[in-house]
Amino acid sequence: MHKLWLIIKREYLTRVKSKTFLLTTFLTPVGILAFILILGWIMSYKSDKTVNILVKDEAGILEATPVTNKKFVLKFEDANLETLKGKVKDEAYQGLLYLPKLDSIGVSNYKAWYYADKTLDLESTYSLSSTIRSKIKEFKMRKMGLRAEQLRLLKTHVSIDPEPLSEGVEDKSSMAGVVASAVGGVMGYFMFIIIIMYGTMIMRSVSEEKINRIVEIIISSVKPFYLMLGKIIGVGGVGFTQLAIWLVTVPLVMFGANRFLGVDTHPTVGVKGKIPAEVTSSLMEKATQVMTELGHMNWWIILPVFIFFFIAGYLMYAALFAALGSAIGEDMNDAQSLTFPVMLPIIISTYIMFSVIKEPHSPLAFWSSLFPLTSPIIMPVRAVYDTPWWQLLLSMAILAITVVGLVWLSGRIYRIGILMYGKKASYKDLIKWIRTK
């Protein structure tokens, strides 16, 4: 155990003290802040370019009421198309818009024609089509004798408020399903990213030590299995340290930028002051419901389940990646064919997760939460939806047994593969190493 602790300590301190770790750990919060600001600027950016368009409006759609879209300057003329096309070429117009007559107010598909040598950009095309669609709606309303107020009266917002059937069951709001889906999705993606990030880090570290032949010196005083286990635990400790620092520094950077530099880090940056009061009130009401539902969730079950599957899933996949790292030759490109079968269940789990969020108690959700290669991502998602105790315990037991078995198998591959040089190992070689006594 003392030698195992020395390996864990070496793996942990070597990485924590490296410049790469320090830079990525402490610059990541700044990068997140920069990403939010750049994203806000991009989302709020609007071009001030104005497009001059000549219009032939046979339907009388745009001419009936003024067009308030500032992106366009429309000039209406009633001449034949060929004459108007010549005007576009000779004068300062970017294009000619031709609106044919409407056959009837029952028309559901309407095609307008835009003549120009230079195609409209995507935003201008969408804006122009939206303007025409809005004017057609007004045109049909006038023909049918309808007023805008009458249409507003026809709109009805429907929400379903879940109510408990039995006494003692906690009452939930209409946001309960949305909050549960969001929490489950965040936990599933978090598991996916951590497994991929730190699993590949272990594989790369094992491969580099093998290529540099440092491992030959190390295993002269410690068993290969303890070396592999120490590397897995040490790198895992680095990951936990990095996550703990981010959980503290990211909110501090956001708060500091908002409080002392006056930087708006709110997701609605760029649209502040443009949201109507009634919309703001509705958003505040939804936010209150979300916070209430988060408080009502059974975190005494969700958090322990998440921690267990996080640790067990990391150990299982980290052991597999360590074994693969020992089987790789000097060319890192050889790793792709070996790692694909290990990566495949992780990738499939992320797609199953979408189905589980929609139907957490379906047969697919049940069996994928029991299958040990997918349960580390799927079961934490299902735990949010009041999954029965026996399913949680059964999934934990299957995963725990699988972790022990795969760590043992990975150790048998590691003990031989770490000393093998030359070409990469095949799957046949891996099976042979497992059987070798």
Protein backbone atom coordinates (compact mmCIF):
# COMPACT_ATOMS: atom_id res chain seq x y z
CA MET A 1 0.00 0.00 0.00
CA HIS A 2 2.90 2.33 0.72
CA LYS A 3 4.21 1.91 -2.83
CA LEU A 4 0.71 2.46 -4.23
CA TRP A 5 0.46 5.70 -2.26
CA LEU A 6 3.85 6.83 -3.62
CA ILE A 7 2.65 6.23 -7.19
CA ILE A 8 -0.59 8.13 -6.57
CA LYS A 9 1.36 10.99 -5.00
CA ARG A 10 3.81 11.09 -7.92
CA GLU A 11 1.09 11.07 -10.57
CA TYR A 12 -0.90 13.73 -8.73
CA LEU A 13 1.91 16.16 -7.87
CA THR A 14 3.61 15.84 -11.27
CA ARG A 15 0.47 16.99 -13.04
CA VAL A 16 -0.74 19.55 -10.50
CA LYS A 17 2.63 21.33 -10.51
CA SER A 18 2.92 21.39 -14.29
CA LYS A 19 2.52 24.67 -16.19
CA THR A 20 -0.14 23.12 -18.41
CA PHE A 21 -2.35 22.28 -15.41
CA LEU A 22 -1.94 25.72 -13.87
CA LEU A 23 -2.63 27.54 -17.12
CA THR A 24 -5.68 25.48 -18.09
CA THR A 25 -7.11 25.53 -14.58
CA PHE A 26 -6.85 29.25 -13.91
CA LEU A 27 -7.31 30.55 -17.46
CA THR A 28 -10.43 28.45 -18.10
CA PRO A 29 -12.70 30.76 -16.01
CA VAL A 30 -11.34 33.74 -17.94
CA GLY A 31 -11.94 31.86 -21.17
CA ILE A 32 -15.54 31.13 -20.14
CA LEU A 33 -16.06 34.84 -19.38
CA ALA A 34 -14.58 35.80 -22.75
CA PHE A 35 -16.79 33.20 -24.47
CA ILE A 36 -19.94 34.62 -22.83
CA LEU A 37 -19.01 38.18 -23.79
CA ILE A 38 -18.16 37.25 -27.38
CA LEU A 39 -21.32 35.15 -27.68
CA GLY A 40 -23.40 38.03 -26.30
CA TRP A 41 -21.82 40.45 -28.77
CA ILE A 42 -22.42 38.07 -31.67
CA MET A 43 -26.05 37.47 -30.67
CA SER A 44 -26.72 41.21 -30.28
CA TYR A 45 -24.84 42.27 -33.43
CA LYS A 46 -27.03 43.64 -36.19
CA SER A 47 -25.84 45.05 -39.47
CA ASP A 48 -26.88 48.62 -40.25
CA LYS A 49 -26.83 47.93 -43.98
CA THR A 50 -29.95 49.10 -45.84
CA VAL A 51 -31.14 47.37 -49.02
CA ASN A 52 -32.90 49.47 -51.67
CA ILE A 53 -35.51 47.36 -53.43
CA LEU A 54 -37.82 48.16 -56.32
CA VAL A 55 -41.22 46.50 -55.83
CA LYS A 56 -43.95 45.45 -58.25
CA ASP A 57 -46.88 44.58 -55.97
CA GLU A 58 -49.73 43.09 -58.01
CA ALA A 59 -51.29 41.57 -54.88
CA GLY A 60 -51.45 44.91 -53.05
CA ILE A 61 -49.83 43.34 -50.00
CA LEU A 62 -46.99 45.70 -49.14
CA GLU A 63 -48.55 48.88 -50.48
CA ALA A 64 -51.66 48.63 -48.29
CA THR A 65 -49.89 49.47 -45.02
CA PRO A 66 -46.46 51.05 -44.40
CA VAL A 67 -43.51 48.67 -44.03
CA THR A 68 -41.63 49.46 -40.81
CA ASN A 69 -38.65 47.15 -41.42
CA LYS A 70 -35.57 49.40 -41.33
CA LYS A 71 -33.43 46.93 -43.26
CA PHE A 72 -35.23 47.76 -46.49
CA VAL A 73 -36.13 50.87 -48.46
CA LEU A 74 -38.97 49.93 -50.80
CA LYS A 75 -40.05 51.89 -53.85
CA PHE A 76 -43.26 50.79 -55.57
CA GLU A 77 -43.73 51.07 -59.34
CA ASP A 78 -46.37 49.64 -61.63
CA ALA A 79 -44.62 48.85 -64.90
CA ASN A 80 -43.83 45.65 -66.77
CA LEU A 81 -41.12 43.42 -65.34
CA GLU A 82 -38.61 43.96 -68.13
CA THR A 83 -38.74 47.74 -67.69
CA LEU A 84 -38.28 47.41 -63.91
CA LYS A 85 -35.37 44.99 -64.38
CA GLY A 86 -33.65 47.60 -66.52
CA LYS A 87 -34.17 50.20 -63.81
CA VAL A 88 -32.51 47.93 -61.24
CA LYS A 89 -29.45 47.63 -63.48
CA ASP A 90 -29.27 51.35 -64.27
CA GLU A 91 -30.19 52.86 -60.87
CA ALA A 92 -29.17 52.39 -57.22
CA TYR A 93 -31.38 49.39 -56.48
CA GLN A 94 -30.07 46.10 -55.14
CA GLY A 95 -32.96 44.10 -56.55
CA LEU A 96 -36.51 43.84 -57.86
CA LEU A 97 -39.23 42.21 -55.75
CA TYR A 98 -42.23 40.89 -57.67
CA LEU A 99 -45.36 39.95 -55.73
CA PRO A 100 -47.92 38.16 -57.94
CA LYS A 101 -51.64 38.32 -57.26
CA LEU A 102 -53.21 36.12 -54.59
CA ASP A 103 -55.66 33.68 -56.16
CA SER A 104 -57.73 33.53 -52.96
CA ILE A 105 -57.44 34.12 -49.24
CA GLY A 106 -57.17 30.35 -48.82
CA VAL A 107 -53.70 30.27 -50.38
CA SER A 108 -51.28 28.55 -47.97
CA ASN A 109 -48.16 28.64 -50.17
CA TYR A 110 -47.15 31.90 -51.77
CA LYS A 111 -44.05 32.51 -53.88
CA ALA A 112 -42.54 35.95 -54.36
CA TRP A 113 -39.78 36.59 -56.91
CA TYR A 114 -36.60 38.54 -56.24
CA TYR A 115 -34.51 39.57 -59.25
CA ALA A 116 -30.91 40.59 -58.58
CA ASP A 117 -27.39 39.77 -59.70
CA LYS A 118 -26.28 39.61 -56.08
CA THR A 119 -28.17 37.20 -53.84
CA LEU A 120 -29.59 38.51 -50.56
CA ASP A 121 -27.80 37.37 -47.42
CA LEU A 122 -29.55 34.88 -45.12
CA GLU A 123 -30.67 37.45 -42.54
CA SER A 124 -32.08 39.82 -45.18
CA THR A 125 -33.89 36.95 -46.92
CA TYR A 126 -35.48 35.83 -43.65
CA SER A 127 -36.40 39.40 -42.71
CA LEU A 128 -37.97 40.10 -46.10
CA SER A 129 -39.94 36.84 -46.13
CA SER A 130 -41.15 37.53 -42.56
CA THR A 131 -42.32 40.99 -43.62
CA ILE A 132 -44.21 39.59 -46.62
CA ARG A 133 -45.74 36.82 -44.48
CA SER A 134 -46.92 39.38 -41.91
CA LYS A 135 -48.44 41.60 -44.61
CA ILE A 136 -50.23 38.64 -46.21
CA LYS A 137 -51.73 37.86 -42.82
CA GLU A 138 -52.97 41.46 -42.51
CA PHE A 139 -54.31 41.30 -46.08
CA LYS A 140 -56.30 38.13 -45.34
CA MET A 141 -57.62 39.62 -42.09
CA ARG A 142 -58.95 42.67 -43.98
CA LYS A 143 -60.60 40.45 -46.60
CA MET A 144 -62.23 38.33 -43.87
CA GLY A 145 -63.23 41.33 -41.79
CA LEU A 146 -61.16 40.26 -38.79
CA ARG A 147 -59.38 42.51 -36.32
CA ALA A 148 -56.07 41.84 -34.58
CA GLU A 149 -57.82 41.86 -31.21
CA GLN A 150 -60.09 39.01 -32.34
CA LEU A 151 -57.08 36.89 -33.26
CA ARG A 152 -55.46 37.56 -29.89
CA LEU A 153 -58.62 36.33 -28.18
CA LEU A 154 -58.33 33.02 -30.05
CA LYS A 155 -54.87 32.32 -28.61
CA THR A 156 -54.88 30.26 -25.42
CA HIS A 157 -51.82 29.20 -23.47
CA VAL A 158 -52.22 25.76 -21.87
CA SER A 159 -50.08 24.45 -19.00
CA ILE A 160 -50.50 21.15 -17.16
CA ASP A 161 -50.05 21.32 -13.40
CA PRO A 162 -49.25 17.88 -11.92
CA GLU A 163 -51.18 17.05 -8.75
CA PRO A 164 -50.47 14.09 -6.40
CA LEU A 165 -53.07 11.34 -6.26
CA SER A 166 -52.12 9.94 -2.85
CA GLU A 167 -51.71 11.75 0.46
CA GLY A 168 -48.16 12.51 1.57
CA VAL A 169 -46.85 12.80 -2.00
CA GLU A 170 -45.22 16.16 -2.65
CA ASP A 171 -47.07 18.55 -4.96
CA LYS A 172 -45.05 19.74 -7.97
CA SER A 173 -45.44 22.65 -10.37
CA SER A 174 -45.76 22.54 -14.16
CA MET A 175 -41.98 23.16 -14.38
CA ALA A 176 -41.13 19.88 -12.61
CA GLY A 177 -40.59 17.90 -15.81
CA VAL A 178 -38.51 20.65 -17.43
CA VAL A 179 -36.26 21.03 -14.37
CA ALA A 180 -35.78 17.27 -14.05
CA SER A 181 -34.87 17.00 -17.73
CA ALA A 182 -32.36 19.85 -17.43
CA VAL A 183 -30.70 18.42 -14.30
CA GLY A 184 -30.53 14.93 -15.80
CA GLY A 185 -29.10 16.22 -19.07
CA VAL A 186 -26.42 18.29 -17.32
CA MET A 187 -25.32 15.31 -15.20
CA GLY A 188 -25.24 13.00 -18.23
CA TYR A 189 -23.10 15.38 -20.29
CA PHE A 190 -20.83 16.01 -17.32
CA MET A 191 -20.18 12.27 -17.00
CA PHE A 192 -19.53 11.98 -20.74
CA ILE A 193 -16.99 14.84 -20.80
CA ILE A 194 -15.11 13.69 -17.68
CA ILE A 195 -14.81 10.07 -18.84
CA ILE A 196 -13.54 11.09 -22.27
CA MET A 197 -11.19 13.82 -21.01
CA TYR A 198 -9.44 11.98 -18.19
CA GLY A 199 -9.65 8.53 -19.77
CA THR A 200 -7.69 9.69 -22.81
CA MET A 201 -5.29 11.55 -20.50
CA ILE A 202 -4.45 8.26 -18.74
CA MET A 203 -4.06 6.42 -22.04
CA ARG A 204 -1.68 9.09 -23.36
CA SER A 205 0.33 9.10 -20.12
CA VAL A 206 0.75 5.31 -20.13
CA SER A 207 1.76 5.30 -23.79
CA GLU A 208 4.34 8.08 -23.28
CA GLU A 209 5.95 6.32 -20.33
CA LYS A 210 6.08 3.11 -22.33
CA ILE A 211 7.70 4.82 -25.34
CA ASN A 212 10.22 6.67 -23.14
CA ARG A 213 10.97 3.40 -21.29
CA ILE A 214 10.55 5.11 -17.93
CA VAL A 215 8.20 2.32 -16.92
CA GLU A 216 11.02 -0.25 -17.06
CA ILE A 217 12.67 1.48 -14.13
CA ILE A 218 9.45 1.90 -12.16
CA ILE A 219 8.23 -1.71 -12.38
CA SER A 220 11.55 -2.94 -11.05
CA SER A 221 10.28 -1.90 -7.61
CA VAL A 222 6.49 -2.08 -7.92
CA LYS A 223 4.01 -4.47 -9.49
CA PRO A 224 2.48 -3.35 -12.83
CA PHE A 225 -1.05 -3.63 -11.41
CA TYR A 226 -0.27 -1.17 -8.60
CA LEU A 227 1.38 1.13 -11.15
CA MET A 228 -1.78 1.13 -13.28
CA LEU A 229 -4.05 1.60 -10.26
CA GLY A 230 -1.90 4.40 -8.88
CA LYS A 231 -1.97 6.19 -12.21
CA ILE A 232 -5.77 5.91 -12.43
CA ILE A 233 -6.32 7.24 -8.90
CA GLY A 234 -3.67 9.96 -9.27
CA VAL A 235 -5.08 11.32 -12.53
CA GLY A 236 -8.58 11.09 -11.05
CA GLY A 237 -7.41 13.20 -8.11
CA VAL A 238 -6.08 15.79 -10.57
CA GLY A 239 -9.48 15.87 -12.25
CA PHE A 240 -11.32 16.34 -8.95
CA THR A 241 -8.91 19.11 -7.97
CA GLN A 242 -9.43 20.91 -11.25
CA LEU A 243 -13.21 20.64 -11.02
CA ALA A 244 -13.20 21.88 -7.41
CA ILE A 245 -11.13 24.93 -8.42
CA TRP A 246 -13.47 25.68 -11.32
CA LEU A 247 -16.55 25.43 -9.09
CA VAL A 248 -15.06 28.21 -6.97
CA THR A 249 -13.25 30.39 -9.53
CA VAL A 250 -15.88 30.49 -12.31
CA PRO A 251 -18.61 32.07 -10.11
CA LEU A 252 -16.02 34.42 -8.58
CA VAL A 253 -14.81 35.58 -12.01
CA MET A 254 -18.40 36.13 -13.16
CA PHE A 255 -19.32 38.03 -10.00
CA GLY A 256 -16.13 40.11 -10.10
CA ALA A 257 -16.60 41.03 -13.76
CA ASN A 258 -20.18 42.07 -13.07
CA ARG A 259 -19.54 43.85 -9.79
CA PHE A 260 -16.24 45.67 -10.29
CA LEU A 261 -15.82 45.95 -14.07
CA GLY A 262 -19.46 46.54 -14.93
CA VAL A 263 -19.46 43.64 -17.39
CA ASP A 264 -22.89 42.13 -17.98
CA THR A 265 -22.47 38.33 -17.81
CA HIS A 266 -26.20 37.66 -17.92
CA PRO A 267 -27.32 35.40 -20.80
CA THR A 268 -29.50 38.25 -22.15
CA VAL A 269 -26.49 40.54 -22.69
CA GLY A 270 -27.15 42.70 -25.74
CA VAL A 271 -30.94 42.66 -25.36
CA LYS A 272 -31.15 44.32 -21.98
CA GLY A 273 -33.88 46.92 -21.87
CA LYS A 274 -35.61 45.50 -24.97
CA ILE A 275 -37.73 42.92 -23.13
CA PRO A 276 -41.31 44.02 -22.40
CA ALA A 277 -42.36 44.27 -18.75
CA GLU A 278 -44.93 41.47 -19.05
CA VAL A 279 -42.31 39.15 -20.52
CA THR A 280 -39.88 40.03 -17.73
CA SER A 281 -42.57 39.28 -15.14
CA SER A 282 -43.28 35.92 -16.76
CA LEU A 283 -39.57 35.06 -16.82
CA MET A 284 -39.24 35.94 -13.14
CA GLU A 285 -42.21 33.71 -12.34
CA LYS A 286 -40.67 30.82 -14.29
CA ALA A 287 -37.31 31.37 -12.57
CA THR A 288 -39.02 31.22 -9.17
CA GLN A 289 -40.72 27.95 -10.13
CA VAL A 290 -37.41 26.50 -11.31
CA MET A 291 -35.68 27.38 -8.03
CA THR A 292 -38.60 25.92 -6.08
CA GLU A 293 -38.47 22.67 -8.04
CA LEU A 294 -34.71 22.44 -7.55
CA GLY A 295 -35.29 22.76 -3.81
CA HIS A 296 -37.98 20.06 -3.87
CA MET A 297 -35.80 17.49 -5.68
CA ASN A 298 -34.60 14.57 -3.60
CA TRP A 299 -30.90 15.50 -3.52
CA TRP A 300 -30.26 12.99 -0.71
CA ILE A 301 -30.72 10.30 -3.35
CA ILE A 302 -29.61 12.12 -6.52
CA LEU A 303 -26.19 13.26 -5.24
CA PRO A 304 -25.05 9.91 -3.71
CA VAL A 305 -26.19 8.09 -6.86
CA PHE A 306 -24.35 10.57 -9.06
CA ILE A 307 -21.15 10.34 -7.00
CA PHE A 308 -21.21 6.54 -7.01
CA PHE A 309 -21.72 6.26 -10.77
CA PHE A 310 -19.20 9.04 -11.38
CA ILE A 311 -16.45 7.25 -9.43
CA ALA A 312 -17.34 3.75 -10.66
CA GLY A 313 -17.70 4.89 -14.27
CA TYR A 314 -14.38 6.71 -14.14
CA LEU A 315 -12.56 3.70 -12.63
CA MET A 316 -14.02 1.33 -15.21
CA TYR A 317 -13.23 3.38 -18.29
CA ALA A 318 -9.92 4.66 -16.91
CA ALA A 319 -8.76 1.05 -16.44
CA LEU A 320 -9.76 0.22 -20.01
CA PHE A 321 -7.95 3.29 -21.38
CA ALA A 322 -4.85 2.42 -19.31
CA ALA A 323 -4.84 -1.11 -20.74
CA LEU A 324 -5.19 0.27 -24.26
CA GLY A 325 -2.38 2.75 -23.62
CA SER A 326 -0.08 -0.14 -22.72
CA ALA A 327 -0.98 -1.92 -25.97
CA ILE A 328 -0.24 1.02 -28.27
CA GLY A 329 3.05 1.19 -30.16
CA GLU A 330 5.12 4.28 -30.86
CA ASP A 331 2.59 5.65 -33.37
CA MET A 332 -0.30 7.27 -31.47
CA ASN A 333 -2.46 7.03 -34.60
CA ASP A 334 -2.63 3.28 -33.97
CA ALA A 335 -4.80 4.02 -30.93
CA GLN A 336 -7.89 4.81 -32.99
CA SER A 337 -8.69 1.23 -33.97
CA LEU A 338 -8.16 -0.02 -30.40
CA THR A 339 -10.09 2.74 -28.63
CA PHE A 340 -13.16 2.69 -30.89
CA PRO A 341 -14.87 -0.29 -29.13
CA VAL A 342 -14.32 1.46 -25.76
CA MET A 343 -15.55 4.84 -27.03
CA LEU A 344 -18.62 3.36 -28.74
CA PRO A 345 -20.69 2.65 -25.56
CA ILE A 346 -19.92 6.17 -24.27
CA ILE A 347 -21.06 7.77 -27.52
CA ILE A 348 -24.18 5.58 -27.73
CA SER A 349 -25.03 6.50 -24.12
CA THR A 350 -25.26 10.18 -25.00
CA TYR A 351 -27.84 9.41 -27.71
CA ILE A 352 -29.80 7.08 -25.42
CA MET A 353 -29.79 9.90 -22.86
CA PHE A 354 -32.08 12.01 -25.08
CA SER A 355 -34.62 9.19 -25.17
CA VAL A 356 -34.31 8.66 -21.40
CA ILE A 357 -34.98 12.34 -20.74
CA LYS A 358 -38.22 12.06 -22.73
CA GLU A 359 -39.25 8.63 -21.36
CA PRO A 360 -37.26 7.84 -18.17
CA HIS A 361 -39.20 4.64 -17.40
CA SER A 362 -39.25 3.07 -20.88
CA PRO A 363 -37.75 -0.41 -21.52
CA LEU A 364 -34.78 1.25 -23.30
CA ALA A 365 -34.12 3.46 -20.27
CA PHE A 366 -34.43 0.49 -17.89
CA TRP A 367 -32.06 -1.87 -19.69
CA SER A 368 -29.49 0.78 -20.61
CA SER A 369 -29.37 1.88 -16.96
CA LEU A 370 -28.54 -1.72 -15.96
CA PHE A 371 -25.97 -2.40 -18.69
CA PRO A 372 -22.66 -1.52 -16.98
CA LEU A 373 -21.00 0.18 -19.97
CA THR A 374 -23.89 2.66 -20.34
CA SER A 375 -25.22 2.89 -16.76
CA PRO A 376 -22.64 5.49 -15.55
CA ILE A 377 -24.31 8.04 -17.87
CA ILE A 378 -27.89 6.75 -18.00
CA MET A 379 -28.67 5.92 -14.35
CA PRO A 380 -27.76 9.38 -12.93
CA VAL A 381 -30.23 10.80 -15.47
CA ARG A 382 -32.95 8.36 -14.39
CA ALA A 383 -32.28 9.00 -10.69
CA VAL A 384 -33.81 12.47 -11.13
CA TYR A 385 -37.17 10.91 -12.06
CA ASP A 386 -37.93 9.01 -8.83
CA THR A 387 -36.53 5.69 -10.08
CA PRO A 388 -37.47 2.72 -7.83
CA TRP A 389 -34.93 1.76 -5.16
CA TRP A 390 -34.50 -1.79 -6.41
CA GLN A 391 -33.47 -0.56 -9.87
CA LEU A 392 -30.88 1.82 -8.41
CA LEU A 393 -29.40 -0.86 -6.15
CA LEU A 394 -29.40 -3.50 -8.91
CA SER A 395 -27.63 -1.14 -11.31
CA MET A 396 -25.06 -0.23 -8.63
CA ALA A 397 -24.37 -3.89 -7.86
CA ILE A 398 -23.92 -4.83 -11.55
CA LEU A 399 -21.62 -1.85 -12.12
CA ALA A 400 -19.53 -2.56 -9.01
CA ILE A 401 -18.97 -6.19 -10.07
CA THR A 402 -18.13 -5.07 -13.61
CA VAL A 403 -15.63 -2.48 -12.35
CA VAL A 404 -13.78 -5.10 -10.30
CA GLY A 405 -13.73 -7.52 -13.24
CA LEU A 406 -12.60 -4.97 -15.84
CA VAL A 407 -9.92 -3.50 -13.57
CA TRP A 408 -8.57 -7.05 -13.06
CA LEU A 409 -8.65 -7.79 -16.82
CA SER A 410 -7.04 -4.42 -17.61
CA GLY A 411 -4.32 -5.18 -15.09
CA ARG A 412 -3.50 -8.46 -16.84
CA ILE A 413 -3.22 -6.65 -20.18
CA TYR A 414 -1.21 -3.82 -18.64
CA ARG A 415 1.40 -6.06 -16.98
CA ILE A 416 2.47 -7.52 -20.35
CA GLY A 417 1.63 -4.70 -22.76
CA ILE A 418 3.67 -2.10 -20.88
CA LEU A 419 6.88 -4.01 -21.69
CA MET A 420 6.00 -4.87 -25.30
CA TYR A 421 7.61 -2.70 -27.97
CA GLY A 422 7.38 -2.53 -31.72
CA LYS A 423 4.04 -2.78 -33.53
CA LYS A 424 0.74 -2.20 -31.83
CA ALA A 425 -1.08 -5.12 -30.29
CA SER A 426 -4.13 -6.69 -31.93
CA TYR A 427 -7.29 -7.86 -30.17
CA LYS A 428 -5.95 -11.41 -30.47
CA ASP A 429 -2.83 -10.32 -28.58
CA LEU A 430 -4.94 -8.72 -25.84
CA ILE A 431 -6.87 -11.97 -25.31
CA LYS A 432 -3.60 -13.89 -25.20
CA TRP A 433 -2.21 -11.51 -22.56
CA ILE A 434 -5.31 -11.95 -20.41
CA ARG A 435 -4.88 -15.75 -20.48
CA THR A 436 -1.15 -15.63 -19.80
CA LYS A 437 -0.35 -16.62 -16.21
